[in-house]
C-alpha atoms as a PDB file:
ATOM      1  CA  MET A   1       2.346  78.025-148.753  1.00  0.00           C
ATOM      2  CA  PRO A   2      -0.398  80.822-150.855  1.00  0.00           C
ATOM      3  CA  THR A   3      -2.289  79.458-153.753  1.00  0.00           C
ATOM      4  CA  PHE A   4      -2.499  81.168-157.041  1.00  0.00           C
ATOM      5  CA  LYS A   5      -4.405  81.609-160.324  1.00  0.00           C
ATOM      6  CA  PRO A   6      -2.702  81.383-163.493  1.00  0.00           C
ATOM      7  CA  ALA A   7      -3.708  85.243-164.313  1.00  0.00           C
ATOM      8  CA  TYR A   8      -5.183  88.671-162.703  1.00  0.00           C
ATOM      9  CA  LEU A   9      -6.318  92.220-163.967  1.00  0.00           C
ATOM     10  CA  VAL A  10      -6.758  94.477-161.013  1.00  0.00           C
ATOM     11  CA  HIS A  11      -7.950  98.022-163.060  1.00  0.00           C
ATOM     12  CA  GLY A  12      -9.699 100.930-161.751  1.00  0.00           C
ATOM     13  CA  ASP A  13      -9.568 104.615-160.924  1.00  0.00           C
ATOM     14  CA  ASP A  14      -8.055 103.782-157.247  1.00  0.00           C
ATOM     15  CA  HIS A  15      -5.070 104.110-158.429  1.00  0.00           C
ATOM     16  CA  ALA A  16      -3.088 104.129-154.574  1.00  0.00           C
ATOM     17  CA  ARG A  17      -4.878 100.941-154.010  1.00  0.00           C
ATOM     18  CA  ILE A  18      -3.689  99.699-157.371  1.00  0.00           C
ATOM     19  CA  ALA A  19      -0.017 100.569-157.117  1.00  0.00           C
ATOM     20  CA  GLN A  20      -0.392  98.678-153.224  1.00  0.00           C
ATOM     21  CA  ARG A  21      -1.723  95.914-154.446  1.00  0.00           C
ATOM     22  CA  ARG A  22       0.996  95.028-157.426  1.00  0.00           C
ATOM     23  CA  ALA A  23       3.858  96.649-154.832  1.00  0.00           C
ATOM     24  CA  ASN A  24       1.890  93.453-152.453  1.00  0.00           C
ATOM     25  CA  LEU A  25       2.243  90.912-155.552  1.00  0.00           C
ATOM     26  CA  ARG A  26       5.971  91.954-156.136  1.00  0.00           C
ATOM     27  CA  ALA A  27       7.135  91.377-152.730  1.00  0.00           C
ATOM     28  CA  LEU A  28       5.176  88.431-152.473  1.00  0.00           C
ATOM     29  CA  ALA A  29       6.514  86.757-155.583  1.00  0.00           C
ATOM     30  CA  GLU A  30      10.184  87.568-154.573  1.00  0.00           C
ATOM     31  CA  ARG A  31       9.995  85.904-151.616  1.00  0.00           C
ATOM     32  CA  GLU A  32       8.785  82.786-153.541  1.00  0.00           C
ATOM     33  CA  GLY A  33      11.140  82.737-155.961  1.00  0.00           C
ATOM     34  CA  GLY A  34      14.251  85.331-154.842  1.00  0.00           C
ATOM     35  CA  ILE A  35      15.602  88.560-156.247  1.00  0.00           C
ATOM     36  CA  SER A  36      13.888  87.547-159.564  1.00  0.00           C
ATOM     37  CA  GLY A  37      10.879  85.917-158.851  1.00  0.00           C
ATOM     38  CA  ALA A  38       9.119  88.120-161.020  1.00  0.00           C
ATOM     39  CA  GLU A  39       9.311  89.493-164.572  1.00  0.00           C
ATOM     40  CA  VAL A  40       8.176  93.041-164.225  1.00  0.00           C
ATOM     41  CA  PHE A  41       6.930  95.120-167.756  1.00  0.00           C
ATOM     42  CA  GLU A  42       6.445  98.424-167.292  1.00  0.00           C
ATOM     43  CA  GLY A  43       6.560 101.513-169.681  1.00  0.00           C
ATOM     44  CA  GLU A  44       7.766 100.518-173.743  1.00  0.00           C
ATOM     45  CA  ASP A  45       8.238  97.123-172.233  1.00  0.00           C
ATOM     46  CA  ALA A  46       4.285  96.682-171.516  1.00  0.00           C
ATOM     47  CA  THR A  47       2.784  95.382-174.997  1.00  0.00           C
ATOM     48  CA  PRO A  48       0.771  92.779-175.592  1.00  0.00           C
ATOM     49  CA  GLU A  49       3.240  91.333-177.876  1.00  0.00           C
ATOM     50  CA  ASN A  50       6.110  91.390-175.405  1.00  0.00           C
ATOM     51  CA  VAL A  51       4.427  89.643-173.215  1.00  0.00           C
ATOM     52  CA  ALA A  52       3.201  86.713-175.035  1.00  0.00           C
ATOM     53  CA  LEU A  53       6.682  86.693-176.140  1.00  0.00           C
ATOM     54  CA  ALA A  54       7.442  85.967-172.633  1.00  0.00           C
ATOM     55  CA  LEU A  55       4.368  83.824-171.894  1.00  0.00           C
ATOM     56  CA  SER A  56       5.796  81.789-174.698  1.00  0.00           C
ATOM     57  CA  ALA A  57       9.339  81.292-173.914  1.00  0.00           C
ATOM     58  CA  MET A  58      10.956  78.740-172.659  1.00  0.00           C
ATOM     59  CA  THR A  59      12.474  78.961-169.022  1.00  0.00           C
ATOM     60  CA  PHE A  60      15.092  76.986-166.237  1.00  0.00           C
ATOM     61  CA  ALA A  61      13.262  78.423-163.672  1.00  0.00           C
ATOM     62  CA  THR A  62      12.172  76.427-160.269  1.00  0.00           C
ATOM     63  CA  GLY A  63       9.174  77.126-158.554  1.00  0.00           C
ATOM     64  CA  ARG A  64       6.135  79.465-159.678  1.00  0.00           C
ATOM     65  CA  ARG A  65       7.202  81.925-162.493  1.00  0.00           C
ATOM     66  CA  PHE A  66       5.674  85.733-162.282  1.00  0.00           C
ATOM     67  CA  LEU A  67       5.331  88.060-164.921  1.00  0.00           C
ATOM     68  CA  ILE A  68       3.729  91.528-163.353  1.00  0.00           C
ATOM     69  CA  VAL A  69       2.458  93.729-166.607  1.00  0.00           C
ATOM     70  CA  ASP A  70       1.740  97.717-165.792  1.00  0.00           C
ATOM     71  CA  GLY A  71      -0.113 100.434-168.012  1.00  0.00           C
ATOM     72  CA  VAL A  72      -2.307  97.586-169.534  1.00  0.00           C
ATOM     73  CA  GLU A  73      -4.899 100.451-169.759  1.00  0.00           C
ATOM     74  CA  ARG A  74      -2.761 101.747-173.062  1.00  0.00           C
ATOM     75  CA  TRP A  75      -3.282  98.685-174.658  1.00  0.00           C
ATOM     76  CA  LYS A  76      -6.233  98.140-177.822  1.00  0.00           C
ATOM     77  CA  ASP A  77      -8.173  95.380-178.233  1.00  0.00           C
ATOM     78  CA  LYS A  78      -6.947  94.193-181.324  1.00  0.00           C
ATOM     79  CA  GLU A  79      -3.523  94.257-179.748  1.00  0.00           C
ATOM     80  CA  VAL A  80      -4.643  91.815-177.457  1.00  0.00           C
ATOM     81  CA  ALA A  81      -6.545  90.041-179.400  1.00  0.00           C
ATOM     82  CA  ALA A  82      -3.888  89.338-181.916  1.00  0.00           C
ATOM     83  CA  HIS A  83      -1.067  88.726-179.721  1.00  0.00           C
ATOM     84  CA  LEU A  84      -1.856  87.648-176.231  1.00  0.00           C
ATOM     85  CA  ALA A  85      -5.152  85.990-176.033  1.00  0.00           C
ATOM     86  CA  PRO A  86      -4.074  83.103-177.863  1.00  0.00           C
ATOM     87  CA  VAL A  87      -1.503  82.111-175.628  1.00  0.00           C
ATOM     88  CA  MET A  88      -3.341  83.001-172.542  1.00  0.00           C
ATOM     89  CA  GLY A  89      -5.526  80.124-173.619  1.00  0.00           C
ATOM     90  CA  ALA A  90      -2.974  77.628-172.664  1.00  0.00           C
ATOM     91  CA  LEU A  91      -0.995  79.197-170.225  1.00  0.00           C
ATOM     92  CA  PRO A  92       2.411  77.226-168.778  1.00  0.00           C
ATOM     93  CA  PRO A  93       2.002  75.490-165.698  1.00  0.00           C
ATOM     94  CA  ASP A  94       3.553  77.140-161.924  1.00  0.00           C
ATOM     95  CA  THR A  95       2.814  80.484-164.261  1.00  0.00           C
ATOM     96  CA  THR A  96       1.137  83.250-162.683  1.00  0.00           C
ATOM     97  CA  VAL A  97       0.791  86.916-164.913  1.00  0.00           C
ATOM     98  CA  ALA A  98      -0.738  89.744-163.563  1.00  0.00           C
ATOM     99  CA  PHE A  99      -1.705  92.695-165.544  1.00  0.00           C
ATOM    100  CA  PHE A 100      -2.804  96.158-163.952  1.00  0.00           C
ATOM    101  CA  GLY A 101      -4.140  99.195-165.416  1.00  0.00           C
ATOM    102  CA  ARG A 102      -4.402 102.898-163.257  1.00  0.00           C
ATOM    103  CA  GLU A 103      -7.979 104.065-165.627  1.00  0.00           C
ATOM    104  CA  GLU A 104      -8.816 107.509-165.761  1.00  0.00           C
ATOM    105  CA  GLY A 105     -11.390 108.983-167.385  1.00  0.00           C
ATOM    106  CA  ARG A 106     -12.142 107.828-170.920  1.00  0.00           C
ATOM    107  CA  THR A 107      -8.268 105.773-170.163  1.00  0.00           C
ATOM    108  CA  LYS A 108      -9.629 101.930-169.803  1.00  0.00           C
ATOM    109  CA  VAL A 109      -8.232  98.180-169.720  1.00  0.00           C
ATOM    110  CA  PRO A 110      -9.673  96.716-172.886  1.00  0.00           C
ATOM    111  CA  GLY A 111     -12.519  94.224-172.604  1.00  0.00           C
ATOM    112  CA  ALA A 112     -10.998  91.938-174.965  1.00  0.00           C
ATOM    113  CA  LEU A 113      -7.952  91.818-171.819  1.00  0.00           C
ATOM    114  CA  ALA A 114     -10.667  91.095-169.187  1.00  0.00           C
ATOM    115  CA  GLU A 115     -12.543  88.202-171.297  1.00  0.00           C
ATOM    116  CA  ALA A 116      -8.649  86.500-171.938  1.00  0.00           C
ATOM    117  CA  VAL A 117      -8.033  86.457-168.213  1.00  0.00           C
ATOM    118  CA  LYS A 118     -11.356  84.926-167.231  1.00  0.00           C
ATOM    119  CA  ALA A 119     -10.906  82.476-170.194  1.00  0.00           C
ATOM    120  CA  ALA A 120      -7.298  81.619-168.633  1.00  0.00           C
ATOM    121  CA  GLY A 121      -9.437  80.738-165.158  1.00  0.00           C
ATOM    122  CA  GLY A 122      -7.645  83.677-163.686  1.00  0.00           C
ATOM    123  CA  ASP A 123      -9.567  86.530-161.740  1.00  0.00           C
ATOM    124  CA  VAL A 124     -10.251  90.076-162.190  1.00  0.00           C
ATOM    125  CA  ALA A 125     -10.701  92.826-159.937  1.00  0.00           C
ATOM    126  CA  THR A 126     -12.084  96.433-160.123  1.00  0.00           C
ATOM    127  CA  GLU A 127     -10.968  99.284-157.277  1.00  0.00           C
ATOM    128  CA  SER A 128     -13.018 101.941-157.703  1.00  0.00           C
ATOM    129  CA  ALA A 129     -12.178 105.052-155.832  1.00  0.00           C
ATOM    130  CA  VAL A 130     -15.026 106.466-153.348  1.00  0.00           C
ATOM    131  CA  LYS A 131     -16.940 108.979-155.205  1.00  0.00           C
ATOM    132  CA  PRO A 132     -16.775 112.389-154.054  1.00  0.00           C
ATOM    133  CA  TRP A 133     -20.113 112.902-152.658  1.00  0.00           C
ATOM    134  CA  GLU A 134     -19.268 109.745-150.439  1.00  0.00           C
ATOM    135  CA  LEU A 135     -16.270 110.906-149.313  1.00  0.00           C
ATOM    136  CA  PRO A 136     -17.847 112.440-145.925  1.00  0.00           C
ATOM    137  CA  LYS A 137     -19.492 108.519-144.930  1.00  0.00           C
ATOM    138  CA  TRP A 138     -16.674 106.827-145.629  1.00  0.00           C
ATOM    139  CA  VAL A 139     -14.180 108.925-143.451  1.00  0.00           C
ATOM    140  CA  MET A 140     -16.275 108.328-140.697  1.00  0.00           C
ATOM    141  CA  ALA A 141     -16.077 104.329-140.853  1.00  0.00           C
ATOM    142  CA  GLN A 142     -12.324 104.517-141.902  1.00  0.00           C
ATOM    143  CA  ALA A 143     -12.347 106.715-137.767  1.00  0.00           C
ATOM    144  CA  ARG A 144     -14.615 103.891-136.007  1.00  0.00           C
ATOM    145  CA  ALA A 145     -12.491 101.566-137.263  1.00  0.00           C
ATOM    146  CA  LEU A 146      -9.210 103.884-135.542  1.00  0.00           C
ATOM    147  CA  ASP A 147     -11.909 103.941-132.719  1.00  0.00           C
ATOM    148  CA  LEU A 148     -12.173 107.473-133.460  1.00  0.00           C
ATOM    149  CA  GLN A 149     -15.443 109.325-132.693  1.00  0.00           C
ATOM    150  CA  LEU A 150     -16.105 111.565-135.920  1.00  0.00           C
ATOM    151  CA  ASP A 151     -19.390 113.163-136.774  1.00  0.00           C
ATOM    152  CA  GLN A 152     -20.516 114.052-140.515  1.00  0.00           C
ATOM    153  CA  SER A 153     -19.744 117.639-139.865  1.00  0.00           C
ATOM    154  CA  ALA A 154     -16.337 116.791-138.950  1.00  0.00           C
ATOM    155  CA  ALA A 155     -15.928 114.400-141.487  1.00  0.00           C
ATOM    156  CA  ARG A 156     -17.171 117.317-144.308  1.00  0.00           C
ATOM    157  CA  ALA A 157     -14.515 119.989-142.797  1.00  0.00           C
ATOM    158  CA  LEU A 158     -11.954 116.865-143.075  1.00  0.00           C
ATOM    159  CA  VAL A 159     -12.280 116.711-146.628  1.00  0.00           C
ATOM    160  CA  ALA A 160     -13.160 120.071-147.001  1.00  0.00           C
ATOM    161  CA  HIS A 161      -9.407 120.860-145.796  1.00  0.00           C
ATOM    162  CA  VAL A 162      -7.474 117.796-146.735  1.00  0.00           C
ATOM    163  CA  GLY A 163      -9.271 117.060-150.216  1.00  0.00           C
ATOM    164  CA  GLU A 164     -10.571 113.984-151.952  1.00  0.00           C
ATOM    165  CA  ARG A 165      -7.650 111.803-152.030  1.00  0.00           C
ATOM    166  CA  GLN A 166      -8.415 108.509-150.038  1.00  0.00           C
ATOM    167  CA  PRO A 167      -4.716 108.032-148.975  1.00  0.00           C
ATOM    168  CA  ARG A 168      -4.155 111.832-147.600  1.00  0.00           C
ATOM    169  CA  LEU A 169      -7.310 111.478-145.663  1.00  0.00           C
ATOM    170  CA  MET A 170      -6.386 108.171-144.223  1.00  0.00           C
ATOM    171  CA  ARG A 171      -3.056 109.580-142.813  1.00  0.00           C
ATOM    172  CA  GLU A 172      -4.896 112.671-141.268  1.00  0.00           C
ATOM    173  CA  LEU A 173      -7.196 110.223-139.474  1.00  0.00           C
ATOM    174  CA  GLU A 174      -3.893 107.995-138.542  1.00  0.00           C
ATOM    175  CA  THR A 175      -1.889 111.041-137.375  1.00  0.00           C
ATOM    176  CA  LEU A 176      -5.187 112.119-135.254  1.00  0.00           C
ATOM    177  CA  ALA A 177      -5.926 108.871-133.768  1.00  0.00           C
ATOM    178  CA  LEU A 178      -1.802 108.431-132.842  1.00  0.00           C
ATOM    179  CA  GLU A 179      -2.121 112.440-131.341  1.00  0.00           C
ATOM    180  CA  LEU A 180      -5.846 112.035-129.322  1.00  0.00           C
ATOM    181  CA  GLY A 181      -5.686 108.331-128.385  1.00  0.00           C
ATOM    182  CA  PRO A 182      -8.294 105.486-128.659  1.00  0.00           C
ATOM    183  CA  GLY A 183     -12.281 106.500-128.218  1.00  0.00           C
ATOM    184  CA  ALA A 184     -11.626 110.562-128.544  1.00  0.00           C
ATOM    185  CA  THR A 185     -14.394 112.099-129.997  1.00  0.00           C
ATOM    186  CA  VAL A 186     -13.445 114.756-133.003  1.00  0.00           C
ATOM    187  CA  ASP A 187     -15.548 117.255-133.700  1.00  0.00           C
ATOM    188  CA  GLN A 188     -15.478 119.674-136.231  1.00  0.00           C
ATOM    189  CA  GLU A 189     -13.806 122.773-134.254  1.00  0.00           C
ATOM    190  CA  LEU A 190     -11.225 120.097-133.861  1.00  0.00           C
ATOM    191  CA  ILE A 191     -10.927 119.469-137.591  1.00  0.00           C
ATOM    192  CA  GLU A 192     -10.749 123.171-138.707  1.00  0.00           C
ATOM    193  CA  GLU A 193      -7.415 123.657-136.207  1.00  0.00           C
ATOM    194  CA  ARG A 194      -5.558 120.508-136.788  1.00  0.00           C
ATOM    195  CA  ALA A 195      -6.175 119.463-140.773  1.00  0.00           C
ATOM    196  CA  ALA A 196      -4.899 122.141-142.472  1.00  0.00           C
ATOM    197  CA  ASP A 197      -3.813 121.229-145.783  1.00  0.00           C
ATOM    198  CA  SER A 198      -0.767 119.314-146.648  1.00  0.00           C
ATOM    199  CA  ALA A 199       1.466 122.422-147.511  1.00  0.00           C
ATOM    200  CA  GLU A 200      -0.234 124.427-144.837  1.00  0.00           C
ATOM    201  CA  ARG A 201       0.610 121.029-142.400  1.00  0.00           C
ATOM    202  CA  ARG A 202       4.593 121.182-144.026  1.00  0.00           C
ATOM    203  CA  VAL A 203       5.075 125.252-143.310  1.00  0.00           C
ATOM    204  CA  TRP A 204       4.178 124.338-139.756  1.00  0.00           C
ATOM    205  CA  GLU A 205       6.027 120.784-139.779  1.00  0.00           C
ATOM    206  CA  LEU A 206       8.949 123.302-141.110  1.00  0.00           C
ATOM    207  CA  ALA A 207       8.602 126.257-137.965  1.00  0.00           C
ATOM    208  CA  ASP A 208       8.773 122.975-135.692  1.00  0.00           C
ATOM    209  CA  LEU A 209      11.625 121.700-136.659  1.00  0.00           C
ATOM    210  CA  LEU A 210      13.749 124.881-136.763  1.00  0.00           C
ATOM    211  CA  VAL A 211      12.380 125.515-132.945  1.00  0.00           C
ATOM    212  CA  ALA A 212      13.386 121.811-132.292  1.00  0.00           C
ATOM    213  CA  GLY A 213      16.965 122.383-133.647  1.00  0.00           C
ATOM    214  CA  ASP A 214      16.240 119.915-136.389  1.00  0.00           C
ATOM    215  CA  ALA A 215      19.067 121.395-138.883  1.00  0.00           C
ATOM    216  CA  ALA A 216      18.685 118.696-141.715  1.00  0.00           C
ATOM    217  CA  GLY A 217      15.205 118.191-141.053  1.00  0.00           C
ATOM    218  CA  ALA A 218      14.478 121.854-141.490  1.00  0.00           C
ATOM    219  CA  THR A 219      16.581 122.068-144.377  1.00  0.00           C
ATOM    220  CA  ARG A 220      15.071 119.435-146.071  1.00  0.00           C
ATOM    221  CA  THR A 221      11.305 120.602-145.602  1.00  0.00           C
ATOM    222  CA  TYR A 222      12.191 123.846-146.603  1.00  0.00           C
ATOM    223  CA  LEU A 223      13.580 122.836-149.822  1.00  0.00           C
ATOM    224  CA  GLU A 224      10.767 120.494-150.724  1.00  0.00           C
ATOM    225  CA  LEU A 225       8.083 122.931-149.629  1.00  0.00           C
ATOM    226  CA  ARG A 226      10.057 125.515-152.125  1.00  0.00           C
ATOM    227  CA  ALA A 227       9.147 122.531-154.684  1.00  0.00           C
ATOM    228  CA  GLN A 228       6.130 122.463-154.514  1.00  0.00           C
ATOM    229  CA  GLY A 229       5.838 126.228-155.487  1.00  0.00           C
ATOM    230  CA  GLU A 230       5.264 127.506-151.935  1.00  0.00           C
ATOM    231  CA  ARG A 231       6.992 131.395-151.848  1.00  0.00           C
ATOM    232  CA  LEU A 232       9.578 132.606-149.346  1.00  0.00           C
ATOM    233  CA  PRO A 233       7.536 135.491-147.676  1.00  0.00           C
ATOM    234  CA  GLY A 234       4.690 132.926-146.656  1.00  0.00           C
ATOM    235  CA  LEU A 235       7.393 130.238-144.996  1.00  0.00           C
ATOM    236  CA  MET A 236       9.017 133.374-143.450  1.00  0.00           C
ATOM    237  CA  TYR A 237       5.666 134.089-142.091  1.00  0.00           C
ATOM    238  CA  TRP A 238       4.864 131.300-140.477  1.00  0.00           C
ATOM    239  CA  MET A 239       8.374 130.447-139.432  1.00  0.00           C
ATOM    240  CA  THR A 240       8.407 133.799-137.405  1.00  0.00           C
ATOM    241  CA  GLN A 241       4.950 132.994-135.979  1.00  0.00           C
ATOM    242  CA  ARG A 242       6.576 130.240-134.235  1.00  0.00           C
ATOM    243  CA  VAL A 243       9.710 131.326-133.268  1.00  0.00           C
ATOM    244  CA  ARG A 244       8.173 133.894-131.475  1.00  0.00           C
ATOM    245  CA  GLN A 245       4.983 131.879-130.090  1.00  0.00           C
ATOM    246  CA  ALA A 246       8.591 129.403-128.768  1.00  0.00           C
ATOM    247  CA  LEU A 247       9.918 133.231-127.202  1.00  0.00           C
ATOM    248  CA  ASP A 248       6.790 133.597-125.580  1.00  0.00           C
ATOM    249  CA  VAL A 249       6.495 130.163-123.913  1.00  0.00           C
ATOM    250  CA  VAL A 250      10.298 130.115-122.829  1.00  0.00           C
ATOM    251  CA  THR A 251       9.888 133.764-121.448  1.00  0.00           C
ATOM    252  CA  ARG A 252       6.836 132.518-119.090  1.00  0.00           C
ATOM    253  CA  LEU A 253       8.401 129.543-118.402  1.00  0.00           C
ATOM    254  CA  GLU A 254      11.584 131.280-116.899  1.00  0.00           C
ATOM    255  CA  ALA A 255       9.178 133.911-115.298  1.00  0.00           C
ATOM    256  CA  GLY A 256       8.170 130.448-113.234  1.00  0.00           C
ATOM    257  CA  GLU A 257       5.002 129.620-115.107  1.00  0.00           C
ATOM    258  CA  ALA A 258       3.554 126.553-114.768  1.00  0.00           C
ATOM    259  CA  PRO A 259       3.677 124.370-118.123  1.00  0.00           C
ATOM    260  CA  ALA A 260       0.005 123.033-117.820  1.00  0.00           C
ATOM    261  CA  GLU A 261      -0.945 126.675-117.438  1.00  0.00           C
ATOM    262  CA  ILE A 262       0.664 127.409-120.919  1.00  0.00           C
ATOM    263  CA  LYS A 263      -0.059 124.254-122.498  1.00  0.00           C
ATOM    264  CA  ARG A 264      -3.985 125.252-122.382  1.00  0.00           C
ATOM    265  CA  GLY A 265      -3.294 128.517-123.584  1.00  0.00           C
ATOM    266  CA  LEU A 266      -1.398 127.064-126.999  1.00  0.00           C
ATOM    267  CA  ARG A 267      -4.088 126.388-129.747  1.00  0.00           C
ATOM    268  CA  MET A 268      -2.877 122.592-130.112  1.00  0.00           C
ATOM    269  CA  PRO A 269      -4.009 119.080-129.635  1.00  0.00           C
ATOM    270  CA  PRO A 270      -2.411 117.790-126.312  1.00  0.00           C
ATOM    271  CA  LYS A 271      -0.256 115.707-128.192  1.00  0.00           C
ATOM    272  CA  ALA A 272       1.218 118.489-130.361  1.00  0.00           C
ATOM    273  CA  ALA A 273       1.570 120.725-127.205  1.00  0.00           C
ATOM    274  CA  ASP A 274       3.301 118.622-125.036  1.00  0.00           C
ATOM    275  CA  ARG A 275       5.958 118.419-128.705  1.00  0.00           C
ATOM    276  CA  PHE A 276       6.399 122.002-128.882  1.00  0.00           C
ATOM    277  CA  LEU A 277       7.090 122.778-125.253  1.00  0.00           C
ATOM    278  CA  ASN A 278       9.413 119.619-125.205  1.00  0.00           C
ATOM    279  CA  ASP A 279      10.937 121.772-127.879  1.00  0.00           C
ATOM    280  CA  VAL A 280      11.083 124.885-126.702  1.00  0.00           C
ATOM    281  CA  ARG A 281      12.530 123.876-123.658  1.00  0.00           C
ATOM    282  CA  ARG A 282      15.945 123.308-125.388  1.00  0.00           C
ATOM    283  CA  ALA A 283      15.846 126.836-126.569  1.00  0.00           C
ATOM    284  CA  ASP A 284      16.671 129.869-124.226  1.00  0.00           C
ATOM    285  CA  VAL A 285      15.655 133.643-124.554  1.00  0.00           C
ATOM    286  CA  ALA A 286      18.864 134.943-126.486  1.00  0.00           C
ATOM    287  CA  SER A 287      19.192 131.883-128.852  1.00  0.00           C
ATOM    288  CA  LEU A 288      15.524 132.497-129.566  1.00  0.00           C
ATOM    289  CA  ARG A 289      15.943 136.161-130.008  1.00  0.00           C
ATOM    290  CA  ARG A 290      19.007 135.761-132.147  1.00  0.00           C
ATOM    291  CA  ALA A 291      16.726 133.774-134.310  1.00  0.00           C
ATOM    292  CA  LEU A 292      14.435 136.372-134.962  1.00  0.00           C
ATOM    293  CA  ARG A 293      17.149 139.060-135.700  1.00  0.00           C
ATOM    294  CA  ARG A 294      18.314 135.945-138.232  1.00  0.00           C
ATOM    295  CA  LEU A 295      15.120 136.019-140.236  1.00  0.00           C
ATOM    296  CA  SER A 296      14.563 140.009-140.138  1.00  0.00           C
ATOM    297  CA  ASP A 297      17.615 139.734-141.696  1.00  0.00           C
ATOM    298  CA  LEU A 298      16.584 137.221-144.639  1.00  0.00           C
ATOM    299  CA  GLU A 299      13.567 138.921-145.249  1.00  0.00           C
ATOM    300  CA  LEU A 300      15.776 141.872-146.122  1.00  0.00           C
ATOM    301  CA  ALA A 301      17.729 139.383-148.167  1.00  0.00           C
ATOM    302  CA  SER A 302      14.643 138.350-149.877  1.00  0.00           C
ATOM    303  CA  ARG A 303      14.071 141.987-151.201  1.00  0.00           C
ATOM    304  CA  GLY A 304      17.343 141.869-152.874  1.00  0.00           C
ATOM    305  CA  GLY A 305      19.613 143.039-149.756  1.00  0.00           C
ATOM    306  CA  THR A 306      22.343 140.495-150.736  1.00  0.00           C
ATOM    307  CA  GLN A 307      24.158 138.952-153.767  1.00  0.00           C
ATOM    308  CA  ALA A 308      22.912 135.588-152.823  1.00  0.00           C
ATOM    309  CA  ASP A 309      19.424 134.039-154.076  1.00  0.00           C
ATOM    310  CA  GLU A 310      16.771 134.072-151.834  1.00  0.00           C
ATOM    311  CA  ASP A 311      17.533 130.458-151.322  1.00  0.00           C
ATOM    312  CA  THR A 312      20.897 130.133-150.507  1.00  0.00           C
ATOM    313  CA  SER A 313      20.221 133.242-147.619  1.00  0.00           C
ATOM    314  CA  ALA A 314      17.091 130.967-146.424  1.00  0.00           C
ATOM    315  CA  VAL A 315      19.340 127.439-146.330  1.00  0.00           C
ATOM    316  CA  ARG A 316      22.289 129.137-144.375  1.00  0.00           C
ATOM    317  CA  ALA A 317      19.829 131.612-142.128  1.00  0.00           C
ATOM    318  CA  ILE A 318      17.816 128.214-141.168  1.00  0.00           C
ATOM    319  CA  LEU A 319      21.349 126.220-140.417  1.00  0.00           C
ATOM    320  CA  ALA A 320      22.298 129.448-138.394  1.00  0.00           C
ATOM    321  CA  ILE A 321      18.932 129.452-136.275  1.00  0.00           C
ATOM    322  CA  ALA A 322      18.571 125.493-135.970  1.00  0.00           C
ATOM    323  CA  SER A 323      22.015 124.781-135.044  1.00  0.00           C
END
């Protein structure tokens, strides 16, 4: 059985890591005490006064009591000193209170809260995001842990394409590890081909779902991309390119060309090329030509050639093509 200290303060500018630790503690609290094992304070309820009142209140619950307090970066020193600090000095037994603060710029957790947590016999942990100039080194270390060989130029290219958010970089490395396998070498050229930014990756995902005949997935991805601000002409361009590529592959397959030869000509990682070939095999020349005609009609509709709005026309076209 895990042991807990009376109080914890987790703060810093690595918001993803802080959110993960908060979620882990809540899950652990619910395992220990059931669905009501954790009392959560967030939003307007997360004030020093409310937390102090909860800590002072009598409870008949059995087992350890957990209080999880979010948003403490908004608190002031004087509020903590007036309401919370006196209570923290005499926490009830079998009670754990955990404070989480997501700092940014000048928004910092009050020093009085850290002092109160330490006075209660608790721990203060800082979760700091990697500085931008340290990211290539961090990417290389994470790649080694995933059994990928990634040099500094490839790491810099990955950061340039994906951005500086560590969770997004980690997801891209994990995807590369799954697609390329243990011990693979990842160079800058492969990164340039493979690791596009998240919006472009989702556009390719939309095009692949269309070719694969996944109507629900393609529709959902299209709507998500539109909600992110992607314009229909740009999405249509990539969908049309992918369908034309699929038509070319199907034509070559039906002409008797070997799949291995076709695969070598696809500018994709090996596993992505395998998936694309598997998706293409489910289609035929006639259906892909119909898909191109549908996309041409959609282009006309996007220029005012129909009374329906462009998103309605696009969803109709996606459903018709994917089905």
